[in-house]
């Protein structure tokens, strides 16, 4: 994969995972990322959006 595009095999492999996801999964991911951002901010004293 030198051009940065997904091959057909990778695309087919990723579709079922996307279909199985639901709102609870998305909320969990968002909460995880928000927690990661705030904990990193506390630890390093930086805002990740200002990098």
N, C-alpha and C. Protein backbone atom coordinates (compact mmCIF):
# COMPACT_ATOMS: atom_id res chain seq x y z
N UNK A 1 0.86 -1.20 0.00
CA UNK A 1 0.00 0.00 0.00
C UNK A 1 0.89 1.24 0.00
N UNK A 2 1.27 1.66 -1.18
CA UNK A 2 2.19 2.79 -1.28
C UNK A 2 1.49 4.10 -1.60
N UNK A 3 0.24 4.02 -2.11
CA UNK A 3 -0.45 5.25 -2.50
C UNK A 3 -1.38 5.78 -1.43
N UNK A 4 -1.48 5.10 -0.30
CA UNK A 4 -2.32 5.57 0.80
C UNK A 4 -3.79 5.24 0.63
N UNK A 5 -4.16 4.51 -0.41
CA UNK A 5 -5.55 4.13 -0.61
C UNK A 5 -5.79 2.73 -0.09
N UNK A 6 -7.04 2.48 0.34
CA UNK A 6 -7.38 1.15 0.82
C UNK A 6 -7.51 0.18 -0.35
N UNK A 7 -7.02 -1.03 -0.17
CA UNK A 7 -7.26 -2.07 -1.18
C UNK A 7 -8.66 -2.62 -1.00
N UNK A 8 -9.15 -3.37 -1.97
CA UNK A 8 -10.48 -3.95 -1.87
C UNK A 8 -10.60 -4.85 -0.65
N UNK A 9 -9.55 -5.62 -0.35
CA UNK A 9 -9.59 -6.53 0.79
C UNK A 9 -9.73 -5.75 2.10
N UNK A 10 -8.98 -4.68 2.23
CA UNK A 10 -9.05 -3.89 3.46
C UNK A 10 -10.41 -3.22 3.59
N UNK A 11 -10.96 -2.75 2.47
CA UNK A 11 -12.26 -2.09 2.50
C UNK A 11 -13.34 -3.07 2.91
N UNK A 12 -13.32 -4.28 2.33
CA UNK A 12 -14.31 -5.29 2.68
C UNK A 12 -14.16 -5.72 4.14
N UNK A 13 -12.94 -5.76 4.65
CA UNK A 13 -12.72 -6.17 6.03
C UNK A 13 -13.21 -5.11 7.01
N UNK A 14 -13.19 -3.84 6.59
CA UNK A 14 -13.56 -2.77 7.51
C UNK A 14 -15.06 -2.53 7.56
N UNK A 15 -15.79 -2.94 6.52
CA UNK A 15 -17.22 -2.64 6.46
C UNK A 15 -18.03 -3.34 7.55
N UNK A 16 -17.84 -4.66 7.80
CA UNK A 16 -18.62 -5.30 8.86
C UNK A 16 -18.40 -4.67 10.23
N UNK A 17 -17.19 -4.25 10.53
CA UNK A 17 -16.92 -3.63 11.83
C UNK A 17 -17.69 -2.32 11.96
N UNK A 18 -17.77 -1.57 10.88
CA UNK A 18 -18.51 -0.31 10.91
C UNK A 18 -20.00 -0.56 11.10
N UNK A 19 -20.51 -1.61 10.48
CA UNK A 19 -21.94 -1.90 10.58
C UNK A 19 -22.31 -2.37 11.99
N UNK A 20 -21.39 -3.06 12.65
CA UNK A 20 -21.70 -3.58 13.98
C UNK A 20 -21.66 -2.50 15.05
N UNK A 21 -21.00 -1.39 14.77
CA UNK A 21 -20.92 -0.31 15.74
C UNK A 21 -22.28 0.31 16.01
N UNK A 22 -22.47 0.81 17.22
CA UNK A 22 -23.73 1.48 17.54
C UNK A 22 -23.44 2.77 18.30
N UNK A 23 -24.50 3.43 18.74
CA UNK A 23 -24.34 4.73 19.39
C UNK A 23 -23.55 4.60 20.70
N UNK A 24 -23.76 3.50 21.42
CA UNK A 24 -23.03 3.31 22.67
C UNK A 24 -21.53 3.21 22.42
N UNK A 25 -21.14 2.52 21.35
CA UNK A 25 -19.72 2.43 21.02
C UNK A 25 -19.15 3.81 20.71
N UNK A 26 -19.89 4.60 19.94
CA UNK A 26 -19.41 5.94 19.60
C UNK A 26 -19.28 6.79 20.85
N UNK A 27 -20.25 6.72 21.74
CA UNK A 27 -20.19 7.50 22.98
C UNK A 27 -18.98 7.06 23.81
N UNK A 28 -18.73 5.77 23.85
CA UNK A 28 -17.57 5.27 24.59
C UNK A 28 -16.27 5.79 24.01
N UNK A 29 -16.18 5.81 22.69
CA UNK A 29 -14.97 6.31 22.04
C UNK A 29 -14.81 7.80 22.31
N UNK A 30 -15.91 8.55 22.22
CA UNK A 30 -15.84 10.00 22.45
C UNK A 30 -15.43 10.29 23.89
N UNK A 31 -16.01 9.56 24.84
CA UNK A 31 -15.64 9.76 26.24
C UNK A 31 -14.19 9.40 26.47
N UNK A 32 -13.73 8.32 25.84
CA UNK A 32 -12.33 7.92 25.98
C UNK A 32 -11.40 9.00 25.45
N UNK A 33 -11.72 9.53 24.27
CA UNK A 33 -10.87 10.56 23.68
C UNK A 33 -10.90 11.84 24.51
N UNK A 34 -12.08 12.19 25.03
CA UNK A 34 -12.18 13.39 25.86
C UNK A 34 -11.37 13.22 27.14
N UNK A 35 -11.45 12.04 27.74
CA UNK A 35 -10.69 11.76 28.95
C UNK A 35 -9.19 11.78 28.66
N UNK A 36 -8.80 11.22 27.52
CA UNK A 36 -7.40 11.21 27.13
C UNK A 36 -6.89 12.63 26.95
N UNK A 37 -7.70 13.48 26.32
CA UNK A 37 -7.30 14.86 26.08
C UNK A 37 -7.12 15.61 27.40
N UNK A 38 -8.08 15.47 28.32
CA UNK A 38 -7.99 16.22 29.57
C UNK A 38 -6.85 15.69 30.45
N UNK A 39 -6.64 14.37 30.46
CA UNK A 39 -5.55 13.83 31.28
C UNK A 39 -4.19 14.24 30.71
N UNK A 40 -4.07 14.27 29.38
CA UNK A 40 -2.82 14.72 28.78
C UNK A 40 -2.59 16.20 29.07
N UNK A 41 -3.67 16.97 29.05
CA UNK A 41 -3.56 18.41 29.32
C UNK A 41 -3.07 18.63 30.75
N UNK A 42 -3.61 17.85 31.69
CA UNK A 42 -3.17 17.98 33.08
C UNK A 42 -1.72 17.56 33.23
N UNK A 43 -1.34 16.49 32.55
CA UNK A 43 0.00 15.94 32.72
C UNK A 43 1.06 16.84 32.11
N UNK A 44 0.80 17.35 30.91
CA UNK A 44 1.83 18.09 30.20
C UNK A 44 1.59 19.60 30.18
N UNK A 45 0.41 20.03 30.64
CA UNK A 45 0.12 21.45 30.66
C UNK A 45 -0.05 22.06 29.28
N UNK A 46 -0.54 21.26 28.33
CA UNK A 46 -0.74 21.78 26.98
C UNK A 46 -2.16 21.49 26.54
N UNK A 47 -2.62 22.25 25.56
CA UNK A 47 -3.90 21.98 24.94
C UNK A 47 -3.61 21.32 23.60
N UNK A 48 -4.12 20.11 23.41
CA UNK A 48 -3.77 19.35 22.21
C UNK A 48 -4.26 20.03 20.94
N UNK A 49 -5.26 20.91 21.05
CA UNK A 49 -5.78 21.57 19.86
C UNK A 49 -4.90 22.75 19.45
N UNK A 50 -3.90 23.09 20.23
CA UNK A 50 -3.05 24.23 19.91
C UNK A 50 -1.66 23.80 19.47
N UNK A 51 -1.51 22.53 19.13
CA UNK A 51 -0.19 22.03 18.73
C UNK A 51 0.16 22.54 17.34
